[in-house]
Every structure is written in C-alpha cells, then in structure tokens.
Amino acid sequence: MWIGWIEFDVLLGDVHSLKEKRSVVRPLLAELKRRFEVSVTEADYHDQYRRIIIGAGLVAADRAHLVEVLTAVERFVAARPELELLSSRQRELRSDD
C-alpha cells in the first residue's frame, strides 16, 4: 500500500477579504475531492486572505497510480487562472517503510 500527499503554496488573485478567500477556496477544495477522489484541506495561512497552503492526500495500491493522481492534481491547481502556484511539494511512502 502507498500513501502520498502533495502540498501547494498558493497566492490568490483578486481577493480582498477572508470571505472572498473562502468563496475561491471552498469550490476549489470541493472540485479536487470530486474530480480526483483525494482528501484535501486548507493547511495554513488561515488568517491571510491572499495566501493559502492546500494539502491533498491519497492511499493507493500501487505507486504508479498514486503518482498519476497527485500529478494530475498538481496540473489542475497550476492551471487555475485565479491562482498563482508558488511551489508544490510531493511525497510518497510505502506502508512498510
């Protein structure tokens, strides 16, 4: 069994309040869950309205599937016009490591 996660450091575009931030972030997290069947969360910068850390995690039977899904998640986030992806960090672990 493989466990993997990816973290994104994201700068939000034309957002001027925490309420506006939520209106961008909530639909994004819901779409990631729906489209890729991953667990996602807003992991940091809760009190800053233009910055966010997004984490997505997945458990898979084989590494190839895990990497495929996490790479697709990264491409999806990077392609969003309302976001600027500052960095991403990905990690995979085998359950017996």
PDB file of N, CA and C in Angstrom:
ATOM      1  N   MET A   1       0.838  -1.168   0.000  1.00  0.00           N
ATOM      2  CA  MET A   1       0.000   0.000   0.000  1.00  0.00           C
ATOM      3  C   MET A   1       0.894   1.245   0.000  1.00  0.00           C
ATOM      4  N   TRP A   2       0.474   2.235  -0.751  1.00  0.00           N
ATOM      5  CA  TRP A   2       1.214   3.502  -0.863  1.00  0.00           C
ATOM      6  C   TRP A   2       0.379   4.651  -0.316  1.00  0.00           C
ATOM      7  N   ILE A   3       1.054   5.560   0.360  1.00  0.00           N
ATOM      8  CA  ILE A   3       0.432   6.752   0.907  1.00  0.00           C
ATOM      9  C   ILE A   3       1.177   7.944   0.312  1.00  0.00           C
ATOM     10  N   GLY A   4       0.436   8.888  -0.223  1.00  0.00           N
ATOM     11  CA  GLY A   4       1.086  10.053  -0.824  1.00  0.00           C
ATOM     12  C   GLY A   4       0.337  11.319  -0.537  1.00  0.00           C
ATOM     13  N   TRP A   5       1.069  12.417  -0.570  1.00  0.00           N
ATOM     14  CA  TRP A   5       0.430  13.712  -0.399  1.00  0.00           C
ATOM     15  C   TRP A   5       1.197  14.759  -1.182  1.00  0.00           C
ATOM     16  N   ILE A   6       0.505  15.841  -1.422  1.00  0.00           N
ATOM     17  CA  ILE A   6       1.100  16.978  -2.116  1.00  0.00           C
ATOM     18  C   ILE A   6       0.625  18.241  -1.417  1.00  0.00           C
ATOM     19  N   GLU A   7       1.527  19.192  -1.276  1.00  0.00           N
ATOM     20  CA  GLU A   7       1.215  20.480  -0.657  1.00  0.00           C
ATOM     21  C   GLU A   7       1.469  21.580  -1.679  1.00  0.00           C
ATOM     22  N   PHE A   8       0.565  22.542  -1.717  1.00  0.00           N
ATOM     23  CA  PHE A   8       0.691  23.673  -2.622  1.00  0.00           C
ATOM     24  C   PHE A   8       0.739  24.963  -1.816  1.00  0.00           C
ATOM     25  N   ASP A   9       1.685  25.818  -2.134  1.00  0.00           N
ATOM     26  CA  ASP A   9       1.729  27.174  -1.607  1.00  0.00           C
ATOM     27  C   ASP A   9       1.151  28.055  -2.713  1.00  0.00           C
ATOM     28  N   VAL A  10       0.028  28.679  -2.434  1.00  0.00           N
ATOM     29  CA  VAL A  10      -0.732  29.364  -3.472  1.00  0.00           C
ATOM     30  C   VAL A  10      -0.964  30.821  -3.086  1.00  0.00           C
ATOM     31  N   LEU A  11      -0.838  31.683  -4.075  1.00  0.00           N
ATOM     32  CA  LEU A  11      -1.195  33.090  -3.947  1.00  0.00           C
ATOM     33  C   LEU A  11      -2.504  33.287  -4.700  1.00  0.00           C
ATOM     34  N   LEU A  12      -3.496  33.825  -4.014  1.00  0.00           N
ATOM     35  CA  LEU A  12      -4.794  34.049  -4.639  1.00  0.00           C
ATOM     36  C   LEU A  12      -4.780  35.371  -5.385  1.00  0.00           C
ATOM     37  N   GLY A  13      -5.557  35.435  -6.456  1.00  0.00           N
ATOM     38  CA  GLY A  13      -5.590  36.629  -7.299  1.00  0.00           C
ATOM     39  C   GLY A  13      -6.323  37.787  -6.667  1.00  0.00           C
ATOM     40  N   ASP A  14      -7.398  38.204  -7.266  1.00  0.00           N
ATOM     41  CA  ASP A  14      -8.140  39.409  -6.878  1.00  0.00           C
ATOM     42  C   ASP A  14      -9.038  39.116  -5.674  1.00  0.00           C
ATOM     43  N   VAL A  15      -8.421  38.943  -4.513  1.00  0.00           N
ATOM     44  CA  VAL A  15      -9.138  38.636  -3.270  1.00  0.00           C
ATOM     45  C   VAL A  15      -8.765  39.711  -2.251  1.00  0.00           C
ATOM     46  N   HIS A  16      -9.791  40.270  -1.578  1.00  0.00           N
ATOM     47  CA  HIS A  16      -9.545  41.387  -0.663  1.00  0.00           C
ATOM     48  C   HIS A  16     -10.077  41.155   0.747  1.00  0.00           C
ATOM     49  N   SER A  17     -10.562  39.938   1.024  1.00  0.00           N
ATOM     50  CA  SER A  17     -11.073  39.651   2.369  1.00  0.00           C
ATOM     51  C   SER A  17     -11.064  38.136   2.577  1.00  0.00           C
ATOM     52  N   LEU A  18     -11.201  37.741   3.836  1.00  0.00           N
ATOM     53  CA  LEU A  18     -11.278  36.306   4.136  1.00  0.00           C
ATOM     54  C   LEU A  18     -12.555  35.699   3.554  1.00  0.00           C
ATOM     55  N   LYS A  19     -13.615  36.475   3.484  1.00  0.00           N
ATOM     56  CA  LYS A  19     -14.862  35.991   2.887  1.00  0.00           C
ATOM     57  C   LYS A  19     -14.666  35.695   1.392  1.00  0.00           C
ATOM     58  N   GLU A  20     -13.998  36.579   0.697  1.00  0.00           N
ATOM     59  CA  GLU A  20     -13.697  36.343  -0.720  1.00  0.00           C
ATOM     60  C   GLU A  20     -12.769  35.143  -0.871  1.00  0.00           C
ATOM     61  N   LYS A  21     -11.812  35.001   0.042  1.00  0.00           N
ATOM     62  CA  LYS A  21     -10.908  33.854   0.008  1.00  0.00           C
ATOM     63  C   LYS A  21     -11.708  32.555   0.095  1.00  0.00           C
ATOM     64  N   ARG A  22     -12.645  32.490   1.039  1.00  0.00           N
ATOM     65  CA  ARG A  22     -13.481  31.293   1.178  1.00  0.00           C
ATOM     66  C   ARG A  22     -14.260  31.000  -0.089  1.00  0.00           C
ATOM     67  N   SER A  23     -14.721  32.058  -0.770  1.00  0.00           N
ATOM     68  CA  SER A  23     -15.514  31.857  -1.989  1.00  0.00           C
ATOM     69  C   SER A  23     -14.675  31.295  -3.135  1.00  0.00           C
ATOM     70  N   VAL A  24     -13.369  31.418  -3.050  1.00  0.00           N
ATOM     71  CA  VAL A  24     -12.463  30.833  -4.046  1.00  0.00           C
ATOM     72  C   VAL A  24     -11.997  29.446  -3.584  1.00  0.00           C
ATOM     73  N   VAL A  25     -11.646  29.331  -2.307  1.00  0.00           N
ATOM     74  CA  VAL A  25     -11.024  28.113  -1.797  1.00  0.00           C
ATOM     75  C   VAL A  25     -12.018  26.960  -1.660  1.00  0.00           C
ATOM     76  N   ARG A  26     -13.190  27.210  -1.115  1.00  0.00           N
ATOM     77  CA  ARG A  26     -14.156  26.116  -0.907  1.00  0.00           C
ATOM     78  C   ARG A  26     -14.525  25.391  -2.198  1.00  0.00           C
ATOM     79  N   PRO A  27     -14.874  26.104  -3.270  1.00  0.00           N
ATOM     80  CA  PRO A  27     -15.176  25.388  -4.520  1.00  0.00           C
ATOM     81  C   PRO A  27     -13.964  24.625  -5.080  1.00  0.00           C
ATOM     82  N   LEU A  28     -12.768  25.183  -4.896  1.00  0.00           N
ATOM     83  CA  LEU A  28     -11.560  24.504  -5.361  1.00  0.00           C
ATOM     84  C   LEU A  28     -11.364  23.184  -4.614  1.00  0.00           C
ATOM     85  N   LEU A  29     -11.477  23.215  -3.287  1.00  0.00           N
ATOM     86  CA  LEU A  29     -11.315  22.001  -2.495  1.00  0.00           C
ATOM     87  C   LEU A  29     -12.386  20.972  -2.850  1.00  0.00           C
ATOM     88  N   ALA A  30     -13.618  21.420  -3.026  1.00  0.00           N
ATOM     89  CA  ALA A  30     -14.709  20.506  -3.399  1.00  0.00           C
ATOM     90  C   ALA A  30     -14.455  19.868  -4.762  1.00  0.00           C
ATOM     91  N   GLU A  31     -13.954  20.651  -5.704  1.00  0.00           N
ATOM     92  CA  GLU A  31     -13.673  20.114  -7.041  1.00  0.00           C
ATOM     93  C   GLU A  31     -12.527  19.110  -7.007  1.00  0.00           C
ATOM     94  N   LEU A  32     -11.499  19.369  -6.214  1.00  0.00           N
ATOM     95  CA  LEU A  32     -10.395  18.413  -6.080  1.00  0.00           C
ATOM     96  C   LEU A  32     -10.895  17.089  -5.499  1.00  0.00           C
ATOM     97  N   LYS A  33     -11.730  17.165  -4.462  1.00  0.00           N
ATOM     98  CA  LYS A  33     -12.299  15.952  -3.863  1.00  0.00           C
ATOM     99  C   LYS A  33     -13.122  15.176  -4.880  1.00  0.00           C
ATOM    100  N   ARG A  34     -13.993  15.890  -5.581  1.00  0.00           N
ATOM    101  CA  ARG A  34     -14.903  15.244  -6.532  1.00  0.00           C
ATOM    102  C   ARG A  34     -14.162  14.645  -7.729  1.00  0.00           C
ATOM    103  N   ARG A  35     -13.287  15.425  -8.305  1.00  0.00           N
ATOM    104  CA  ARG A  35     -12.629  15.011  -9.548  1.00  0.00           C
ATOM    105  C   ARG A  35     -11.560  13.938  -9.344  1.00  0.00           C
ATOM    106  N   PHE A  36     -10.790  14.038  -8.266  1.00  0.00           N
ATOM    107  CA  PHE A  36      -9.641  13.150  -8.091  1.00  0.00           C
ATOM    108  C   PHE A  36      -9.783  12.165  -6.933  1.00  0.00           C
ATOM    109  N   GLU A  37     -10.872  12.268  -6.172  1.00  0.00           N
ATOM    110  CA  GLU A  37     -11.122  11.378  -5.036  1.00  0.00           C
ATOM    111  C   GLU A  37      -9.944  11.357  -4.058  1.00  0.00           C
ATOM    112  N   VAL A  38      -9.513  12.549  -3.679  1.00  0.00           N
ATOM    113  CA  VAL A  38      -8.438  12.725  -2.701  1.00  0.00           C
ATOM    114  C   VAL A  38      -9.010  13.440  -1.482  1.00  0.00           C
ATOM    115  N   SER A  39      -8.305  13.331  -0.385  1.00  0.00           N
ATOM    116  CA  SER A  39      -8.632  14.129   0.792  1.00  0.00           C
ATOM    117  C   SER A  39      -7.884  15.444   0.664  1.00  0.00           C
ATOM    118  N   VAL A  40      -8.558  16.555   0.928  1.00  0.00           N
ATOM    119  CA  VAL A  40      -7.917  17.870   0.797  1.00  0.00           C
ATOM    120  C   VAL A  40      -8.223  18.730   2.008  1.00  0.00           C
ATOM    121  N   THR A  41      -7.339  19.689   2.246  1.00  0.00           N
ATOM    122  CA  THR A  41      -7.537  20.623   3.348  1.00  0.00           C
ATOM    123  C   THR A  41      -6.819  21.935   3.073  1.00  0.00           C
ATOM    124  N   GLU A  42      -7.317  22.967   3.708  1.00  0.00           N
ATOM    125  CA  GLU A  42      -6.606  24.240   3.776  1.00  0.00           C
ATOM    126  C   GLU A  42      -5.693  24.112   4.982  1.00  0.00           C
ATOM    127  N   ALA A  43      -4.386  24.022   4.749  1.00  0.00           N
ATOM    128  CA  ALA A  43      -3.455  23.630   5.804  1.00  0.00           C
ATOM    129  C   ALA A  43      -2.777  24.782   6.537  1.00  0.00           C
ATOM    130  N   ASP A  44      -2.724  25.962   5.955  1.00  0.00           N
ATOM    131  CA  ASP A  44      -2.024  27.067   6.620  1.00  0.00           C
ATOM    132  C   ASP A  44      -2.487  28.398   6.047  1.00  0.00           C
ATOM    133  N   TYR A  45      -2.006  29.471   6.665  1.00  0.00           N
ATOM    134  CA  TYR A  45      -2.339  30.853   6.300  1.00  0.00           C
ATOM    135  C   TYR A  45      -3.845  31.112   6.418  1.00  0.00           C
ATOM    136  N   HIS A  46      -4.460  30.587   7.469  1.00  0.00           N
ATOM    137  CA  HIS A  46      -5.903  30.755   7.667  1.00  0.00           C
ATOM    138  C   HIS A  46      -6.297  32.214   7.865  1.00  0.00           C
ATOM    139  N   ASP A  47      -5.402  33.012   8.399  1.00  0.00           N
ATOM    140  CA  ASP A  47      -5.735  34.401   8.698  1.00  0.00           C
ATOM    141  C   ASP A  47      -5.261  35.388   7.627  1.00  0.00           C
ATOM    142  N   GLN A  48      -4.648  34.900   6.566  1.00  0.00           N
ATOM    143  CA  GLN A  48      -4.214  35.766   5.466  1.00  0.00           C
ATOM    144  C   GLN A  48      -5.151  35.547   4.280  1.00  0.00           C
ATOM    145  N   TYR A  49      -5.615  36.613   3.695  1.00  0.00           N
ATOM    146  CA  TYR A  49      -6.629  36.454   2.654  1.00  0.00           C
ATOM    147  C   TYR A  49      -6.084  36.217   1.247  1.00  0.00           C
ATOM    148  N   ARG A  50      -4.803  36.410   1.008  1.00  0.00           N
ATOM    149  CA  ARG A  50      -4.280  36.185  -0.354  1.00  0.00           C
ATOM    150  C   ARG A  50      -3.356  34.978  -0.441  1.00  0.00           C
ATOM    151  N   ARG A  51      -3.160  34.287   0.645  1.00  0.00           N
ATOM    152  CA  ARG A  51      -2.201  33.185   0.666  1.00  0.00           C
ATOM    153  C   ARG A  51      -2.870  31.952   1.247  1.00  0.00           C
ATOM    154  N   ILE A  52      -2.473  30.774   0.773  1.00  0.00           N
ATOM    155  CA  ILE A  52      -3.051  29.531   1.274  1.00  0.00           C
ATOM    156  C   ILE A  52      -2.089  28.381   1.032  1.00  0.00           C
ATOM    157  N   ILE A  53      -2.079  27.448   1.942  1.00  0.00           N
ATOM    158  CA  ILE A  53      -1.417  26.159   1.739  1.00  0.00           C
ATOM    159  C   ILE A  53      -2.533  25.135   1.598  1.00  0.00           C
ATOM    160  N   ILE A  54      -2.521  24.412   0.512  1.00  0.00           N
ATOM    161  CA  ILE A  54      -3.509  23.356   0.264  1.00  0.00           C
ATOM    162  C   ILE A  54      -2.785  22.021   0.316  1.00  0.00           C
ATOM    163  N   GLY A  55      -3.349  21.079   1.031  1.00  0.00           N
ATOM    164  CA  GLY A  55      -2.794  19.735   1.094  1.00  0.00           C
ATOM    165  C   GLY A  55      -3.782  18.735   0.532  1.00  0.00           C
ATOM    166  N   ALA A  56      -3.288  17.774  -0.231  1.00  0.00           N
ATOM    167  CA  ALA A  56      -4.123  16.694  -0.776  1.00  0.00           C
ATOM    168  C   ALA A  56      -3.420  15.375  -0.496  1.00  0.00           C
ATOM    169  N   GLY A  57      -4.179  14.382  -0.079  1.00  0.00           N
ATOM    170  CA  GLY A  57      -3.606  13.083   0.248  1.00  0.00           C
ATOM    171  C   GLY A  57      -4.391  11.949  -0.377  1.00  0.00           C
ATOM    172  N   LEU A  58      -3.695  10.813  -0.517  1.00  0.00           N
ATOM    173  CA  LEU A  58      -4.278   9.668  -1.209  1.00  0.00           C
ATOM    174  C   LEU A  58      -3.611   8.397  -0.733  1.00  0.00           C
ATOM    175  N   VAL A  59      -4.384   7.325  -0.654  1.00  0.00           N
ATOM    176  CA  VAL A  59      -3.863   5.986  -0.402  1.00  0.00           C
ATOM    177  C   VAL A  59      -4.172   5.164  -1.647  1.00  0.00           C
ATOM    178  N   ALA A  60      -3.167   4.431  -2.141  1.00  0.00           N
ATOM    179  CA  ALA A  60      -3.347   3.648  -3.367  1.00  0.00           C
ATOM    180  C   ALA A  60      -2.639   2.300  -3.247  1.00  0.00           C
ATOM    181  N   ALA A  61      -3.066   1.379  -4.060  1.00  0.00           N
ATOM    182  CA  ALA A  61      -2.476   0.042  -4.042  1.00  0.00           C
ATOM    183  C   ALA A  61      -1.076   0.018  -4.647  1.00  0.00           C
ATOM    184  N   ASP A  62      -0.840   0.878  -5.641  1.00  0.00           N
ATOM    185  CA  ASP A  62       0.493   0.890  -6.270  1.00  0.00           C
ATOM    186  C   ASP A  62       0.979   2.318  -6.467  1.00  0.00           C
ATOM    187  N   ARG A  63       2.287   2.443  -6.537  1.00  0.00           N
ATOM    188  CA  ARG A  63       2.920   3.758  -6.638  1.00  0.00           C
ATOM    189  C   ARG A  63       2.573   4.461  -7.934  1.00  0.00           C
ATOM    190  N   ALA A  64       2.466   3.738  -9.041  1.00  0.00           N
ATOM    191  CA  ALA A  64       2.190   4.362 -10.332  1.00  0.00           C
ATOM    192  C   ALA A  64       0.855   5.119 -10.302  1.00  0.00           C
ATOM    193  N   HIS A  65      -0.160   4.500  -9.728  1.00  0.00           N
ATOM    194  CA  HIS A  65      -1.463   5.165  -9.640  1.00  0.00           C
ATOM    195  C   HIS A  65      -1.379   6.400  -8.731  1.00  0.00           C
ATOM    196  N   LEU A  66      -0.689   6.258  -7.632  1.00  0.00           N
ATOM    197  CA  LEU A  66      -0.525   7.354  -6.685  1.00  0.00           C
ATOM    198  C   LEU A  66       0.129   8.560  -7.358  1.00  0.00           C
ATOM    199  N   VAL A  67       1.230   8.340  -8.038  1.00  0.00           N
ATOM    200  CA  VAL A  67       1.954   9.424  -8.713  1.00  0.00           C
ATOM    201  C   VAL A  67       1.095  10.027  -9.816  1.00  0.00           C
ATOM    202  N   GLU A  68       0.367   9.199 -10.547  1.00  0.00           N
ATOM    203  CA  GLU A  68      -0.506   9.679 -11.619  1.00  0.00           C
ATOM    204  C   GLU A  68      -1.570  10.639 -11.077  1.00  0.00           C
ATOM    205  N   VAL A  69      -2.213  10.264  -9.988  1.00  0.00           N
ATOM    206  CA  VAL A  69      -3.264  11.107  -9.410  1.00  0.00           C
ATOM    207  C   VAL A  69      -2.677  12.396  -8.853  1.00  0.00           C
ATOM    208  N   LEU A  70      -1.600  12.305  -8.092  1.00  0.00           N
ATOM    209  CA  LEU A  70      -1.010  13.515  -7.499  1.00  0.00           C
ATOM    210  C   LEU A  70      -0.493  14.470  -8.572  1.00  0.00           C
ATOM    211  N   THR A  71       0.041  13.942  -9.649  1.00  0.00           N
ATOM    212  CA  THR A  71       0.499  14.783 -10.760  1.00  0.00           C
ATOM    213  C   THR A  71      -0.682  15.472 -11.436  1.00  0.00           C
ATOM    214  N   ALA A  72      -1.784  14.752 -11.596  1.00  0.00           N
ATOM    215  CA  ALA A  72      -2.987  15.344 -12.187  1.00  0.00           C
ATOM    216  C   ALA A  72      -3.552  16.443 -11.286  1.00  0.00           C
ATOM    217  N   VAL A  73      -3.515  16.236  -9.986  1.00  0.00           N
ATOM    218  CA  VAL A  73      -3.961  17.255  -9.035  1.00  0.00           C
ATOM    219  C   VAL A  73      -3.094  18.502  -9.177  1.00  0.00           C
ATOM    220  N   GLU A  74      -1.787  18.314  -9.268  1.00  0.00           N
ATOM    221  CA  GLU A  74      -0.877  19.453  -9.428  1.00  0.00           C
ATOM    222  C   GLU A  74      -1.154  20.213 -10.723  1.00  0.00           C
ATOM    223  N   ARG A  75      -1.350  19.506 -11.814  1.00  0.00           N
ATOM    224  CA  ARG A  75      -1.655  20.163 -13.088  1.00  0.00           C
ATOM    225  C   ARG A  75      -2.956  20.958 -13.004  1.00  0.00           C
ATOM    226  N   PHE A  76      -3.953  20.384 -12.335  1.00  0.00           N
ATOM    227  CA  PHE A  76      -5.240  21.045 -12.191  1.00  0.00           C
ATOM    228  C   PHE A  76      -5.100  22.350 -11.404  1.00  0.00           C
ATOM    229  N   VAL A  77      -4.395  22.310 -10.285  1.00  0.00           N
ATOM    230  CA  VAL A  77      -4.205  23.512  -9.464  1.00  0.00           C
ATOM    231  C   VAL A  77      -3.388  24.555 -10.226  1.00  0.00           C
ATOM    232  N   ALA A  78      -2.342  24.134 -10.895  1.00  0.00           N
ATOM    233  CA  ALA A  78      -1.482  25.069 -11.637  1.00  0.00           C
ATOM    234  C   ALA A  78      -2.224  25.744 -12.783  1.00  0.00           C
ATOM    235  N   ALA A  79      -3.232  25.082 -13.336  1.00  0.00           N
ATOM    236  CA  ALA A  79      -3.952  25.627 -14.487  1.00  0.00           C
ATOM    237  C   ALA A  79      -5.068  26.592 -14.097  1.00  0.00           C
ATOM    238  N   ARG A  80      -5.361  26.711 -12.814  1.00  0.00           N
ATOM    239  CA  ARG A  80      -6.450  27.593 -12.384  1.00  0.00           C
ATOM    240  C   ARG A  80      -6.044  29.057 -12.568  1.00  0.00           C
ATOM    241  N   PRO A  81      -6.821  29.824 -13.329  1.00  0.00           N
ATOM    242  CA  PRO A  81      -6.429  31.216 -13.611  1.00  0.00           C
ATOM    243  C   PRO A  81      -6.498  32.135 -12.393  1.00  0.00           C
ATOM    244  N   GLU A  82      -7.321  31.797 -11.405  1.00  0.00           N
ATOM    245  CA  GLU A  82      -7.462  32.665 -10.234  1.00  0.00           C
ATOM    246  C   GLU A  82      -6.389  32.425  -9.184  1.00  0.00           C
ATOM    247  N   LEU A  83      -5.481  31.468  -9.449  1.00  0.00           N
ATOM    248  CA  LEU A  83      -4.437  31.110  -8.504  1.00  0.00           C
ATOM    249  C   LEU A  83      -3.063  31.281  -9.131  1.00  0.00           C
ATOM    250  N   GLU A  84      -2.092  31.601  -8.285  1.00  0.00           N
ATOM    251  CA  GLU A  84      -0.690  31.561  -8.706  1.00  0.00           C
ATOM    252  C   GLU A  84       0.008  30.530  -7.830  1.00  0.00           C
ATOM    253  N   LEU A  85       0.426  29.440  -8.433  1.00  0.00           N
ATOM    254  CA  LEU A  85       1.093  28.375  -7.698  1.00  0.00           C
ATOM    255  C   LEU A  85       2.538  28.799  -7.453  1.00  0.00           C
ATOM    256  N   LEU A  86       2.864  29.051  -6.181  1.00  0.00           N
ATOM    257  CA  LEU A  86       4.210  29.486  -5.825  1.00  0.00           C
ATOM    258  C   LEU A  86       5.160  28.300  -5.710  1.00  0.00           C
ATOM    259  N   SER A  87       4.679  27.196  -5.125  1.00  0.00           N
ATOM    260  CA  SER A  87       5.503  25.994  -5.022  1.00  0.00           C
ATOM    261  C   SER A  87       4.621  24.799  -4.706  1.00  0.00           C
ATOM    262  N   SER A  88       5.175  23.625  -4.959  1.00  0.00           N
ATOM    263  CA  SER A  88       4.488  22.394  -4.575  1.00  0.00           C
ATOM    264  C   SER A  88       5.534  21.405  -4.074  1.00  0.00           C
ATOM    265  N   ARG A  89       5.090  20.553  -3.184  1.00  0.00           N
ATOM    266  CA  ARG A  89       5.979  19.542  -2.610  1.00  0.00           C
ATOM    267  C   ARG A  89       5.191  18.241  -2.515  1.00  0.00           C
ATOM    268  N   GLN A  90       5.750  17.182  -3.058  1.00  0.00           N
ATOM    269  CA  GLN A  90       5.067  15.890  -3.124  1.00  0.00           C
ATOM    270  C   GLN A  90       5.885  14.829  -2.397  1.00  0.00           C
ATOM    271  N   ARG A  91       5.190  13.889  -1.768  1.00  0.00           N
ATOM    272  CA  ARG A  91       5.870  12.824  -1.035  1.00  0.00           C
ATOM    273  C   ARG A  91       5.084  11.537  -1.156  1.00  0.00           C
ATOM    274  N   GLU A  92       5.768  10.423  -1.322  1.00  0.00           N
ATOM    275  CA  GLU A  92       5.139   9.101  -1.364  1.00  0.00           C
ATOM    276  C   GLU A  92       5.857   8.193  -0.363  1.00  0.00           C
ATOM    277  N   LEU A  93       5.095   7.366   0.324  1.00  0.00           N
ATOM    278  CA  LEU A  93       5.633   6.406   1.276  1.00  0.00           C
ATOM    279  C   LEU A  93       4.946   5.064   1.091  1.00  0.00           C
ATOM    280  N   ARG A  94       5.708   3.986   1.238  1.00  0.00           N
ATOM    281  CA  ARG A  94       5.127   2.650   1.297  1.00  0.00           C
ATOM    282  C   ARG A  94       4.700   2.375   2.709  1.00  0.00           C
ATOM    283  N   SER A  95       3.673   1.625   2.898  1.00  0.00           N
ATOM    284  CA  SER A  95       3.146   1.376   4.237  1.00  0.00           C
ATOM    285  C   SER A  95       4.138   0.597   5.106  1.00  0.00           C
ATOM    286  N   ASP A  96       5.056  -0.128   4.496  1.00  0.00           N
ATOM    287  CA  ASP A  96       6.022  -0.891   5.294  1.00  0.00           C
ATOM    288  C   ASP A  96       7.355  -0.155   5.466  1.00  0.00           C
ATOM    289  N   ASP A  97       7.428   1.121   5.098  1.00  0.00           N
ATOM    290  CA  ASP A  97       8.661   1.914   5.290  1.00  0.00           C
ATOM    291  C   ASP A  97       8.855   2.267   6.748  1.00  0.00           C
TER     292      ASP A  97
END
